Amino acid sequence: MIAYILRRLLHAVFVVFIVSIVVFGLLHALPGGLARAQLGLGAKRLQVHELEVQEGLLKPLPVQYVIWAWHALRGHLGFSYKLNSPVGALLVRYLPRTLLLVGSSTLFALGVAVPLGLYQGLRRNRVDDHLISVSMLVFYAMPDFLLGSIAIILLNLDLPVFPSTATAFGLNLRADVLVLILPVLTLFLGSVAYFSRYMRSSVIDNLLEDYVRTAYAKGQTTRGVLYRHVFRNSLLSVMTLIGLSLPYVFSGALIIETLFNFPGIGLLFYDADLTRDFPVLLGVLLVVTVTVVLGSLLADFGYALLDPRIRLFEEKA
C-alpha cells in the first residue's frame, strides 16, 4: 500500500511540475512580455524596464523558473495591477467559495446517484428504470448554463423562492445558504445524471458476474448479495469518475458562478479574462490544476481501498 501511495504521489508531483512549466511559459509568451502585460500597453519603455529589473525578468529563463516556482510554492503568484492585490490573496479569498460550491454539489450528487443507480440496476429494463434513465439523460444532455437559466426562471422569477445572485455572500449564514441553493442545484442535476448512469451500468455488470450466482447458490439473500458484494464493486466505477469529472465540474463552476454572480474563482477568472489580467488568469489556472490533481489522487487512494487487487497489481508491476 505504501509503494502504491508513493507511486501515485510521484505521478501527481510530475503532473504539477509539467503544468507549472506550461504556466511559466504562458507568462513569458504574453504580448509585449510579462512586464508590459502588467503595466498595460500605454506604459513607457522606462517603466517596463524598471519592472523587468525589479521582478528579475532579465535573468536566464531557467533561473527565472526556479525563482518563480519557489515563490509559487510560498503562495506568491504575482500581482494584479487591475485589482491592486496579490494574486495569492485573491485566490485565498475566492477559492474556498468555489470548493464549497463544487464539494457540496458533488456530495449531494453522490448521495442521490449511488442509491439511484443501485435501484435502477436491480430494476433494469422495467418501466421505472426507463423513466428514470430518460430523465437522467435529459439532465445529462443539458448544458450547465441552460440548467441554471431554467432554475432561475422557475425558482426566482416565476416562484420568487431563492435569490439568483450572490452579491452579498459571506455576510449572513442564512442568506448564504439561500444564495447557494440555485448554483448547487444546477451543478447537482448535471452531476447526479452523470454518476447515476455509470452506477447503473456497473451494478448490472456485477449482477451478471459468476460470484453473484455463487452467492445465490450458497443461499444468500438478495439484500446480502447486494450490500456485501455488488455495492462495493459497483462503487469502483463511480470512484474513478470522481477523479475524471473534476476538471468538468470546475469548468461548469466557472459558468455557474458567472451566471449567478457567485464570488468564486470562476467569476474571478471570467472578470480577469475581460480585463486581460494575465497574472490572475494563470494563477487561477495553476491552482485549479493542482486542486484537480489532488482530487484525482484522493480518488486513486479510494479506488485502492475499495479494491485490494489494484494495490497487488501495482506492487507486482
C-alpha atoms as a PDB file:
ATOM      1  CA  MET A   1       0.000   0.000   0.000  1.00  0.00           C
ATOM      2  CA  ILE A   2       2.861   2.377   0.848  1.00  0.00           C
ATOM      3  CA  ALA A   3       4.532   1.712  -2.505  1.00  0.00           C
ATOM      4  CA  TYR A   4       1.229   2.386  -4.280  1.00  0.00           C
ATOM      5  CA  ILE A   5       0.756   5.703  -2.440  1.00  0.00           C
ATOM      6  CA  LEU A   6       4.335   6.811  -3.149  1.00  0.00           C
ATOM      7  CA  ARG A   7       3.964   5.962  -6.841  1.00  0.00           C
ATOM      8  CA  ARG A   8       0.752   7.969  -7.108  1.00  0.00           C
ATOM      9  CA  LEU A   9       2.328  10.881  -5.251  1.00  0.00           C
ATOM     10  CA  LEU A  10       5.250  10.895  -7.685  1.00  0.00           C
ATOM     11  CA  HIS A  11       2.822  10.888 -10.618  1.00  0.00           C
ATOM     12  CA  ALA A  12       0.944  13.832  -9.100  1.00  0.00           C
ATOM     13  CA  VAL A  13       4.157  15.791  -8.496  1.00  0.00           C
ATOM     14  CA  PHE A  14       5.246  15.143 -12.095  1.00  0.00           C
ATOM     15  CA  VAL A  15       1.910  16.399 -13.471  1.00  0.00           C
ATOM     16  CA  VAL A  16       2.077  19.554 -11.345  1.00  0.00           C
ATOM     17  CA  PHE A  17       5.672  20.106 -12.500  1.00  0.00           C
ATOM     18  CA  ILE A  18       4.653  19.882 -16.174  1.00  0.00           C
ATOM     19  CA  VAL A  19       1.713  22.247 -15.600  1.00  0.00           C
ATOM     20  CA  SER A  20       3.974  24.729 -13.808  1.00  0.00           C
ATOM     21  CA  ILE A  21       6.296  24.769 -16.822  1.00  0.00           C
ATOM     22  CA  VAL A  22       3.325  25.396 -19.132  1.00  0.00           C
ATOM     23  CA  VAL A  23       2.056  28.243 -16.932  1.00  0.00           C
ATOM     24  CA  PHE A  24       5.551  29.746 -16.703  1.00  0.00           C
ATOM     25  CA  GLY A  25       5.871  29.544 -20.489  1.00  0.00           C
ATOM     26  CA  LEU A  26       2.498  31.234 -20.961  1.00  0.00           C
ATOM     27  CA  LEU A  27       3.569  34.033 -18.656  1.00  0.00           C
ATOM     28  CA  HIS A  28       6.571  34.753 -20.864  1.00  0.00           C
ATOM     29  CA  ALA A  29       4.566  34.366 -24.077  1.00  0.00           C
ATOM     30  CA  LEU A  30       2.259  37.265 -23.225  1.00  0.00           C
ATOM     31  CA  PRO A  31       2.069  40.013 -25.871  1.00  0.00           C
ATOM     32  CA  GLY A  32       4.862  42.503 -25.187  1.00  0.00           C
ATOM     33  CA  GLY A  33       6.203  40.458 -22.304  1.00  0.00           C
ATOM     34  CA  LEU A  34       5.052  39.987 -18.719  1.00  0.00           C
ATOM     35  CA  ALA A  35       6.025  43.468 -17.573  1.00  0.00           C
ATOM     36  CA  ARG A  36       4.070  45.249 -20.310  1.00  0.00           C
ATOM     37  CA  ALA A  37       1.105  42.927 -19.747  1.00  0.00           C
ATOM     38  CA  GLN A  38       1.043  44.010 -16.107  1.00  0.00           C
ATOM     39  CA  LEU A  39       1.573  47.715 -16.725  1.00  0.00           C
ATOM     40  CA  GLY A  40      -0.629  47.982 -19.803  1.00  0.00           C
ATOM     41  CA  LEU A  41       0.042  48.858 -23.418  1.00  0.00           C
ATOM     42  CA  GLY A  42       0.336  52.546 -22.561  1.00  0.00           C
ATOM     43  CA  ALA A  43       3.325  52.069 -20.239  1.00  0.00           C
ATOM     44  CA  LYS A  44       6.594  53.773 -21.184  1.00  0.00           C
ATOM     45  CA  ARG A  45       9.706  51.782 -22.018  1.00  0.00           C
ATOM     46  CA  LEU A  46      11.490  53.054 -18.904  1.00  0.00           C
ATOM     47  CA  GLN A  47       8.635  51.849 -16.676  1.00  0.00           C
ATOM     48  CA  VAL A  48       8.671  48.459 -18.382  1.00  0.00           C
ATOM     49  CA  HIS A  49      12.460  48.181 -17.958  1.00  0.00           C
ATOM     50  CA  GLU A  50      12.275  49.118 -14.262  1.00  0.00           C
ATOM     51  CA  LEU A  51       9.621  46.440 -13.635  1.00  0.00           C
ATOM     52  CA  GLU A  52      11.663  43.854 -15.558  1.00  0.00           C
ATOM     53  CA  VAL A  53      14.671  44.617 -13.367  1.00  0.00           C
ATOM     54  CA  GLN A  54      12.536  44.620 -10.201  1.00  0.00           C
ATOM     55  CA  GLU A  55      10.974  41.201 -10.964  1.00  0.00           C
ATOM     56  CA  GLY A  56      14.134  39.631 -12.362  1.00  0.00           C
ATOM     57  CA  LEU A  57      12.742  39.223 -15.876  1.00  0.00           C
ATOM     58  CA  LEU A  58      16.143  39.902 -17.472  1.00  0.00           C
ATOM     59  CA  LYS A  59      17.735  36.796 -15.913  1.00  0.00           C
ATOM     60  CA  PRO A  60      18.091  33.497 -17.830  1.00  0.00           C
ATOM     61  CA  LEU A  61      14.833  31.556 -18.163  1.00  0.00           C
ATOM     62  CA  PRO A  62      15.911  28.551 -16.025  1.00  0.00           C
ATOM     63  CA  VAL A  63      16.845  30.918 -13.203  1.00  0.00           C
ATOM     64  CA  GLN A  64      13.559  32.757 -13.598  1.00  0.00           C
ATOM     65  CA  TYR A  65      11.648  29.461 -13.444  1.00  0.00           C
ATOM     66  CA  VAL A  66      13.358  28.374 -10.225  1.00  0.00           C
ATOM     67  CA  ILE A  67      12.631  31.769  -8.634  1.00  0.00           C
ATOM     68  CA  TRP A  68       9.032  31.737  -9.871  1.00  0.00           C
ATOM     69  CA  ALA A  69       8.445  28.144  -8.689  1.00  0.00           C
ATOM     70  CA  TRP A  70       9.878  28.952  -5.263  1.00  0.00           C
ATOM     71  CA  HIS A  71       7.574  31.962  -4.955  1.00  0.00           C
ATOM     72  CA  ALA A  72       4.608  29.884  -6.210  1.00  0.00           C
ATOM     73  CA  LEU A  73       5.252  27.234  -3.545  1.00  0.00           C
ATOM     74  CA  ARG A  74       5.090  30.011  -0.948  1.00  0.00           C
ATOM     75  CA  GLY A  75       1.831  31.336  -2.395  1.00  0.00           C
ATOM     76  CA  HIS A  76       3.285  34.314  -4.277  1.00  0.00           C
ATOM     77  CA  LEU A  77       1.774  34.090  -7.772  1.00  0.00           C
ATOM     78  CA  GLY A  78       2.279  37.652  -8.925  1.00  0.00           C
ATOM     79  CA  PHE A  79       0.394  40.903  -8.514  1.00  0.00           C
ATOM     80  CA  SER A  80      -2.846  42.009 -10.103  1.00  0.00           C
ATOM     81  CA  TYR A  81      -2.492  45.639 -11.095  1.00  0.00           C
ATOM     82  CA  LYS A  82      -6.126  45.636 -12.259  1.00  0.00           C
ATOM     83  CA  LEU A  83      -7.413  44.701  -8.788  1.00  0.00           C
ATOM     84  CA  ASN A  84      -4.438  46.188  -6.903  1.00  0.00           C
ATOM     85  CA  SER A  85      -3.954  42.981  -4.914  1.00  0.00           C
ATOM     86  CA  PRO A  86      -1.584  39.985  -4.821  1.00  0.00           C
ATOM     87  CA  VAL A  87      -2.903  37.037  -6.817  1.00  0.00           C
ATOM     88  CA  GLY A  88      -2.348  34.718  -3.855  1.00  0.00           C
ATOM     89  CA  ALA A  89      -4.562  36.869  -1.626  1.00  0.00           C
ATOM     90  CA  LEU A  90      -7.312  36.841  -4.255  1.00  0.00           C
ATOM     91  CA  LEU A  91      -7.160  33.057  -4.520  1.00  0.00           C
ATOM     92  CA  VAL A  92      -7.288  32.644  -0.739  1.00  0.00           C
ATOM     93  CA  ARG A  93     -10.424  34.774  -0.727  1.00  0.00           C
ATOM     94  CA  TYR A  94     -12.239  33.172  -3.662  1.00  0.00           C
ATOM     95  CA  LEU A  95     -11.066  29.524  -3.779  1.00  0.00           C
ATOM     96  CA  PRO A  96     -12.858  28.330  -0.575  1.00  0.00           C
ATOM     97  CA  ARG A  97     -16.173  29.538  -2.014  1.00  0.00           C
ATOM     98  CA  THR A  98     -15.683  27.528  -5.192  1.00  0.00           C
ATOM     99  CA  LEU A  99     -14.625  24.472  -3.181  1.00  0.00           C
ATOM    100  CA  LEU A 100     -17.787  24.867  -1.100  1.00  0.00           C
ATOM    101  CA  LEU A 101     -19.914  25.081  -4.247  1.00  0.00           C
ATOM    102  CA  VAL A 102     -18.228  22.176  -6.047  1.00  0.00           C
ATOM    103  CA  GLY A 103     -17.838  19.993  -2.951  1.00  0.00           C
ATOM    104  CA  SER A 104     -21.424  20.354  -1.721  1.00  0.00           C
ATOM    105  CA  SER A 105     -22.932  19.730  -5.172  1.00  0.00           C
ATOM    106  CA  THR A 106     -20.710  16.669  -5.724  1.00  0.00           C
ATOM    107  CA  LEU A 107     -21.517  15.187  -2.304  1.00  0.00           C
ATOM    108  CA  PHE A 108     -25.257  15.696  -2.815  1.00  0.00           C
ATOM    109  CA  ALA A 109     -24.998  14.191  -6.292  1.00  0.00           C
ATOM    110  CA  LEU A 110     -23.189  11.100  -5.000  1.00  0.00           C
ATOM    111  CA  GLY A 111     -25.684  10.756  -2.152  1.00  0.00           C
ATOM    112  CA  VAL A 112     -28.520  10.553  -4.702  1.00  0.00           C
ATOM    113  CA  ALA A 113     -26.784   8.938  -7.687  1.00  0.00           C
ATOM    114  CA  VAL A 114     -25.350   5.909  -5.892  1.00  0.00           C
ATOM    115  CA  PRO A 115     -28.644   4.566  -4.430  1.00  0.00           C
ATOM    116  CA  LEU A 116     -30.496   5.628  -7.578  1.00  0.00           C
ATOM    117  CA  GLY A 117     -28.097   3.702  -9.820  1.00  0.00           C
ATOM    118  CA  LEU A 118     -28.318   0.745  -7.464  1.00  0.00           C
ATOM    119  CA  TYR A 119     -32.097   0.791  -7.662  1.00  0.00           C
ATOM    120  CA  GLN A 120     -32.039   1.078 -11.465  1.00  0.00           C
ATOM    121  CA  GLY A 121     -29.616  -1.817 -11.743  1.00  0.00           C
ATOM    122  CA  LEU A 122     -31.959  -4.019  -9.756  1.00  0.00           C
ATOM    123  CA  ARG A 123     -34.995  -2.848 -11.755  1.00  0.00           C
ATOM    124  CA  ARG A 124     -33.261  -2.901 -15.139  1.00  0.00           C
ATOM    125  CA  ASN A 125     -35.414  -2.817 -18.267  1.00  0.00           C
ATOM    126  CA  ARG A 126     -38.594  -2.141 -16.293  1.00  0.00           C
ATOM    127  CA  VAL A 127     -40.871   0.879 -16.651  1.00  0.00           C
ATOM    128  CA  ASP A 128     -39.497   2.812 -13.674  1.00  0.00           C
ATOM    129  CA  ASP A 129     -35.921   2.149 -14.826  1.00  0.00           C
ATOM    130  CA  HIS A 130     -36.696   3.515 -18.299  1.00  0.00           C
ATOM    131  CA  LEU A 131     -38.435   6.613 -16.873  1.00  0.00           C
ATOM    132  CA  ILE A 132     -35.511   7.413 -14.580  1.00  0.00           C
ATOM    133  CA  SER A 133     -32.998   6.774 -17.383  1.00  0.00           C
ATOM    134  CA  VAL A 134     -34.803   9.164 -19.738  1.00  0.00           C
ATOM    135  CA  SER A 135     -34.970  11.845 -17.020  1.00  0.00           C
ATOM    136  CA  MET A 136     -31.263  11.472 -16.211  1.00  0.00           C
ATOM    137  CA  LEU A 137     -30.373  11.557 -19.899  1.00  0.00           C
ATOM    138  CA  VAL A 138     -32.226  14.871 -20.285  1.00  0.00           C
ATOM    139  CA  PHE A 139     -30.291  16.417 -17.387  1.00  0.00           C
ATOM    140  CA  TYR A 140     -27.026  14.918 -18.655  1.00  0.00           C
ATOM    141  CA  ALA A 141     -27.511  16.373 -22.156  1.00  0.00           C
ATOM    142  CA  MET A 142     -28.445  19.872 -20.991  1.00  0.00           C
ATOM    143  CA  PRO A 143     -25.533  22.318 -20.661  1.00  0.00           C
ATOM    144  CA  ASP A 144     -24.953  23.981 -17.300  1.00  0.00           C
ATOM    145  CA  PHE A 145     -25.973  27.459 -18.418  1.00  0.00           C
ATOM    146  CA  LEU A 146     -29.324  26.115 -19.662  1.00  0.00           C
ATOM    147  CA  LEU A 147     -29.990  24.249 -16.400  1.00  0.00           C
ATOM    148  CA  GLY A 148     -29.099  27.383 -14.474  1.00  0.00           C
ATOM    149  CA  SER A 149     -31.320  29.572 -16.624  1.00  0.00           C
ATOM    150  CA  ILE A 150     -34.266  27.207 -16.131  1.00  0.00           C
ATOM    151  CA  ALA A 151     -33.650  27.182 -12.382  1.00  0.00           C
ATOM    152  CA  ILE A 152     -33.647  30.990 -12.311  1.00  0.00           C
ATOM    153  CA  ILE A 153     -36.865  31.187 -14.343  1.00  0.00           C
ATOM    154  CA  LEU A 154     -38.717  28.611 -12.251  1.00  0.00           C
ATOM    155  CA  LEU A 155     -37.415  29.310  -8.742  1.00  0.00           C
ATOM    156  CA  ASN A 156     -36.621  33.014  -8.923  1.00  0.00           C
ATOM    157  CA  LEU A 157     -38.847  34.695 -11.499  1.00  0.00           C
ATOM    158  CA  ASP A 158     -41.997  32.542 -11.570  1.00  0.00           C
ATOM    159  CA  LEU A 159     -41.733  31.465  -7.930  1.00  0.00           C
ATOM    160  CA  PRO A 160     -39.564  34.014  -6.079  1.00  0.00           C
ATOM    161  CA  VAL A 161     -38.234  31.462  -3.603  1.00  0.00           C
ATOM    162  CA  PHE A 162     -34.452  31.714  -3.922  1.00  0.00           C
ATOM    163  CA  PRO A 163     -32.173  34.607  -4.912  1.00  0.00           C
ATOM    164  CA  SER A 164     -30.429  34.350  -8.274  1.00  0.00           C
ATOM    165  CA  THR A 165     -27.345  36.420  -7.388  1.00  0.00           C
ATOM    166  CA  ALA A 166     -24.794  36.271  -4.596  1.00  0.00           C
ATOM    167  CA  THR A 167     -23.653  39.861  -4.351  1.00  0.00           C
ATOM    168  CA  ALA A 168     -23.689  39.813  -0.523  1.00  0.00           C
ATOM    169  CA  PHE A 169     -22.210  36.339   0.003  1.00  0.00           C
ATOM    170  CA  GLY A 170     -20.364  35.905   3.291  1.00  0.00           C
ATOM    171  CA  LEU A 171     -22.329  38.388   5.393  1.00  0.00           C
ATOM    172  CA  ASN A 172     -25.077  36.189   6.818  1.00  0.00           C
ATOM    173  CA  LEU A 173     -25.283  32.402   7.227  1.00  0.00           C
ATOM    174  CA  ARG A 174     -28.967  32.112   6.360  1.00  0.00           C
ATOM    175  CA  ALA A 175     -28.582  34.375   3.343  1.00  0.00           C
ATOM    176  CA  ASP A 176     -25.512  32.406   2.214  1.00  0.00           C
ATOM    177  CA  VAL A 177     -27.439  29.117   2.330  1.00  0.00           C
ATOM    178  CA  LEU A 178     -30.250  30.605   0.243  1.00  0.00           C
ATOM    179  CA  VAL A 179     -27.758  32.015  -2.248  1.00  0.00           C
ATOM    180  CA  LEU A 180     -26.048  28.627  -2.616  1.00  0.00           C
ATOM    181  CA  ILE A 181     -29.230  26.676  -3.375  1.00  0.00           C
ATOM    182  CA  LEU A 182     -29.647  27.530  -7.068  1.00  0.00           C
ATOM    183  CA  PRO A 183     -25.948  27.188  -8.044  1.00  0.00           C
ATOM    184  CA  VAL A 184     -25.624  23.934  -6.085  1.00  0.00           C
ATOM    185  CA  LEU A 185     -28.894  22.644  -7.564  1.00  0.00           C
ATOM    186  CA  THR A 186     -27.677  23.367 -11.093  1.00  0.00           C
ATOM    187  CA  LEU A 187     -24.359  21.555 -10.643  1.00  0.00           C
ATOM    188  CA  PHE A 188     -26.139  18.784  -8.726  1.00  0.00           C
ATOM    189  CA  LEU A 189     -28.550  17.970 -11.557  1.00  0.00           C
ATOM    190  CA  GLY A 190     -25.775  17.562 -14.100  1.00  0.00           C
ATOM    191  CA  SER A 191     -23.577  15.530 -11.742  1.00  0.00           C
ATOM    192  CA  VAL A 192     -26.289  13.198 -10.474  1.00  0.00           C
ATOM    193  CA  ALA A 193     -27.222  12.299 -14.047  1.00  0.00           C
ATOM    194  CA  TYR A 194     -23.547  11.652 -14.835  1.00  0.00           C
ATOM    195  CA  PHE A 195     -22.851   9.415 -11.822  1.00  0.00           C
ATOM    196  CA  SER A 196     -26.156   7.511 -11.749  1.00  0.00           C
ATOM    197  CA  ARG A 197     -25.836   6.317 -15.362  1.00  0.00           C
ATOM    198  CA  TYR A 198     -22.441   4.752 -14.667  1.00  0.00           C
ATOM    199  CA  MET A 199     -23.542   3.364 -11.309  1.00  0.00           C
ATOM    200  CA  ARG A 200     -26.483   1.648 -13.025  1.00  0.00           C
ATOM    201  CA  SER A 201     -24.241   0.116 -15.697  1.00  0.00           C
ATOM    202  CA  SER A 202     -21.745  -1.062 -13.091  1.00  0.00           C
ATOM    203  CA  VAL A 203     -24.478  -2.675 -10.968  1.00  0.00           C
ATOM    204  CA  ILE A 204     -25.869  -4.524 -13.990  1.00  0.00           C
ATOM    205  CA  ASP A 205     -22.392  -5.770 -14.957  1.00  0.00           C
ATOM    206  CA  ASN A 206     -21.712  -7.022 -11.425  1.00  0.00           C
ATOM    207  CA  LEU A 207     -25.087  -8.738 -11.137  1.00  0.00           C
ATOM    208  CA  LEU A 208     -24.110 -10.876 -14.146  1.00  0.00           C
ATOM    209  CA  GLU A 209     -20.801 -11.992 -12.632  1.00  0.00           C
ATOM    210  CA  ASP A 210     -20.155 -15.562 -11.517  1.00  0.00           C
ATOM    211  CA  TYR A 211     -19.560 -14.615  -7.881  1.00  0.00           C
ATOM    212  CA  VAL A 212     -23.131 -13.313  -7.650  1.00  0.00           C
ATOM    213  CA  ARG A 213     -24.534 -16.597  -8.902  1.00  0.00           C
ATOM    214  CA  THR A 214     -22.276 -18.439  -6.449  1.00  0.00           C
ATOM    215  CA  ALA A 215     -23.534 -16.265  -3.568  1.00  0.00           C
ATOM    216  CA  TYR A 216     -27.128 -17.004  -4.517  1.00  0.00           C
ATOM    217  CA  ALA A 217     -26.315 -20.727  -4.771  1.00  0.00           C
ATOM    218  CA  LYS A 218     -24.953 -20.615  -1.219  1.00  0.00           C
ATOM    219  CA  GLY A 219     -28.315 -19.328  -0.029  1.00  0.00           C
ATOM    220  CA  GLN A 220     -27.574 -15.627   0.468  1.00  0.00           C
ATOM    221  CA  THR A 221     -30.494 -13.245   0.207  1.00  0.00           C
ATOM    222  CA  THR A 222     -30.763 -10.532  -2.429  1.00  0.00           C
ATOM    223  CA  ARG A 223     -30.030  -7.873   0.168  1.00  0.00           C
ATOM    224  CA  GLY A 224     -26.945  -9.741   1.364  1.00  0.00           C
ATOM    225  CA  VAL A 225     -25.600 -10.192  -2.148  1.00  0.00           C
ATOM    226  CA  LEU A 226     -26.328  -6.581  -2.953  1.00  0.00           C
ATOM    227  CA  TYR A 227     -24.645  -4.960   0.031  1.00  0.00           C
ATOM    228  CA  ARG A 228     -21.809  -7.441   0.601  1.00  0.00           C
ATOM    229  CA  HIS A 229     -20.676  -7.867  -2.983  1.00  0.00           C
ATOM    230  CA  VAL A 230     -22.394  -5.823  -5.704  1.00  0.00           C
ATOM    231  CA  PHE A 231     -22.493  -2.465  -3.939  1.00  0.00           C
ATOM    232  CA  ARG A 232     -18.790  -2.259  -3.118  1.00  0.00           C
ATOM    233  CA  ASN A 233     -17.625  -3.468  -6.525  1.00  0.00           C
ATOM    234  CA  SER A 234     -20.017  -1.104  -8.289  1.00  0.00           C
ATOM    235  CA  LEU A 235     -18.557   1.861  -6.413  1.00  0.00           C
ATOM    236  CA  LEU A 236     -15.237   1.382  -8.230  1.00  0.00           C
ATOM    237  CA  SER A 237     -16.515   2.957 -11.444  1.00  0.00           C
ATOM    238  CA  VAL A 238     -18.026   5.880  -9.542  1.00  0.00           C
ATOM    239  CA  MET A 239     -14.776   6.412  -7.625  1.00  0.00           C
ATOM    240  CA  THR A 240     -12.895   6.547 -10.916  1.00  0.00           C
ATOM    241  CA  LEU A 241     -15.403   9.018 -12.335  1.00  0.00           C
ATOM    242  CA  ILE A 242     -14.932  11.379  -9.401  1.00  0.00           C
ATOM    243  CA  GLY A 243     -11.312  11.919 -10.370  1.00  0.00           C
ATOM    244  CA  LEU A 244     -12.074  12.153 -14.085  1.00  0.00           C
ATOM    245  CA  SER A 245     -15.013  14.532 -13.632  1.00  0.00           C
ATOM    246  CA  LEU A 246     -13.217  17.142 -11.519  1.00  0.00           C
ATOM    247  CA  PRO A 247     -11.989  19.229 -14.493  1.00  0.00           C
ATOM    248  CA  TYR A 248     -15.510  19.278 -15.950  1.00  0.00           C
ATOM    249  CA  VAL A 249     -17.024  20.191 -12.587  1.00  0.00           C
ATOM    250  CA  PHE A 250     -14.633  23.123 -12.229  1.00  0.00           C
ATOM    251  CA  SER A 251     -15.337  24.274 -15.781  1.00  0.00           C
ATOM    252  CA  GLY A 252     -19.048  24.025 -15.018  1.00  0.00           C
ATOM    253  CA  ALA A 253     -18.473  26.036 -11.845  1.00  0.00           C
ATOM    254  CA  LEU A 254     -16.961  28.831 -13.967  1.00  0.00           C
ATOM    255  CA  ILE A 255     -20.185  29.040 -15.992  1.00  0.00           C
ATOM    256  CA  ILE A 256     -22.421  28.735 -12.928  1.00  0.00           C
ATOM    257  CA  GLU A 257     -20.520  31.359 -10.942  1.00  0.00           C
ATOM    258  CA  THR A 258     -20.730  33.772 -13.847  1.00  0.00           C
ATOM    259  CA  LEU A 259     -24.441  33.074 -14.339  1.00  0.00           C
ATOM    260  CA  PHE A 260     -25.333  33.507 -10.672  1.00  0.00           C
ATOM    261  CA  ASN A 261     -22.690  36.169  -9.946  1.00  0.00           C
ATOM    262  CA  PHE A 262     -21.239  33.837  -7.303  1.00  0.00           C
ATOM    263  CA  PRO A 263     -17.913  35.206  -5.949  1.00  0.00           C
ATOM    264  CA  GLY A 264     -15.657  32.218  -6.577  1.00  0.00           C
ATOM    265  CA  ILE A 265     -12.569  31.665  -8.691  1.00  0.00           C
ATOM    266  CA  GLY A 266     -14.780  31.005 -11.729  1.00  0.00           C
ATOM    267  CA  LEU A 267     -16.142  34.548 -11.596  1.00  0.00           C
ATOM    268  CA  LEU A 268     -12.656  35.832 -10.765  1.00  0.00           C
ATOM    269  CA  PHE A 269     -11.307  34.065 -13.858  1.00  0.00           C
ATOM    270  CA  TYR A 270     -14.103  35.467 -16.048  1.00  0.00           C
ATOM    271  CA  ASP A 271     -13.550  39.045 -14.839  1.00  0.00           C
ATOM    272  CA  ALA A 272      -9.784  38.677 -15.283  1.00  0.00           C
ATOM    273  CA  ASP A 273     -10.341  37.486 -18.840  1.00  0.00           C
ATOM    274  CA  LEU A 274     -12.475  40.543 -19.619  1.00  0.00           C
ATOM    275  CA  THR A 275      -9.823  42.918 -18.237  1.00  0.00           C
ATOM    276  CA  ARG A 276      -6.833  40.920 -19.608  1.00  0.00           C
ATOM    277  CA  ASP A 277      -5.485  40.439 -16.085  1.00  0.00           C
ATOM    278  CA  PHE A 278      -2.961  37.760 -17.062  1.00  0.00           C
ATOM    279  CA  PRO A 279      -1.361  37.094 -13.634  1.00  0.00           C
ATOM    280  CA  VAL A 280      -4.807  36.293 -12.209  1.00  0.00           C
ATOM    281  CA  LEU A 281      -5.742  34.116 -15.200  1.00  0.00           C
ATOM    282  CA  LEU A 282      -2.608  31.992 -14.942  1.00  0.00           C
ATOM    283  CA  GLY A 283      -2.697  31.911 -11.149  1.00  0.00           C
ATOM    284  CA  VAL A 284      -6.236  30.513 -11.244  1.00  0.00           C
ATOM    285  CA  LEU A 285      -5.189  28.016 -13.919  1.00  0.00           C
ATOM    286  CA  LEU A 286      -2.304  26.751 -11.783  1.00  0.00           C
ATOM    287  CA  VAL A 287      -4.323  26.486  -8.557  1.00  0.00           C
ATOM    288  CA  VAL A 288      -7.275  24.743 -10.232  1.00  0.00           C
ATOM    289  CA  THR A 289      -4.886  22.262 -11.860  1.00  0.00           C
ATOM    290  CA  VAL A 290      -3.258  21.467  -8.529  1.00  0.00           C
ATOM    291  CA  THR A 291      -6.711  21.068  -6.947  1.00  0.00           C
ATOM    292  CA  VAL A 292      -7.806  18.680  -9.710  1.00  0.00           C
ATOM    293  CA  VAL A 293      -4.599  16.645  -9.341  1.00  0.00           C
ATOM    294  CA  LEU A 294      -5.135  16.371  -5.583  1.00  0.00           C
ATOM    295  CA  GLY A 295      -8.741  15.311  -6.142  1.00  0.00           C
ATOM    296  CA  SER A 296      -7.658  12.647  -8.624  1.00  0.00           C
ATOM    297  CA  LEU A 297      -5.038  11.478  -6.148  1.00  0.00           C
ATOM    298  CA  LEU A 298      -7.675  11.047  -3.437  1.00  0.00           C
ATOM    299  CA  ALA A 299      -9.854   9.160  -5.934  1.00  0.00           C
ATOM    300  CA  ASP A 300      -6.925   6.798  -6.647  1.00  0.00           C
ATOM    301  CA  PHE A 301      -6.494   6.156  -2.923  1.00  0.00           C
ATOM    302  CA  GLY A 302     -10.204   5.471  -2.532  1.00  0.00           C
ATOM    303  CA  TYR A 303     -10.065   3.137  -5.526  1.00  0.00           C
ATOM    304  CA  ALA A 304      -7.236   1.164  -3.928  1.00  0.00           C
ATOM    305  CA  LEU A 305      -9.073   0.926  -0.613  1.00  0.00           C
ATOM    306  CA  LEU A 306     -12.195  -0.443  -2.304  1.00  0.00           C
ATOM    307  CA  ASP A 307     -10.334  -2.950  -4.483  1.00  0.00           C
ATOM    308  CA  PRO A 308      -7.172  -4.552  -2.982  1.00  0.00           C
ATOM    309  CA  ARG A 309      -6.412  -6.079  -6.410  1.00  0.00           C
ATOM    310  CA  ILE A 310      -5.310  -2.636  -7.590  1.00  0.00           C
ATOM    311  CA  ARG A 311      -2.626  -2.488  -4.913  1.00  0.00           C
ATOM    312  CA  LEU A 312      -1.421  -6.001  -5.688  1.00  0.00           C
ATOM    313  CA  PHE A 313      -1.224  -5.238  -9.400  1.00  0.00           C
ATOM    314  CA  GLU A 314       0.754  -2.046  -8.755  1.00  0.00           C
ATOM    315  CA  GLU A 315       3.168  -3.849  -6.431  1.00  0.00           C
ATOM    316  CA  LYS A 316       3.788  -6.627  -8.997  1.00  0.00           C
ATOM    317  CA  ALA A 317       4.271  -4.057 -11.747  1.00  0.00           C
END
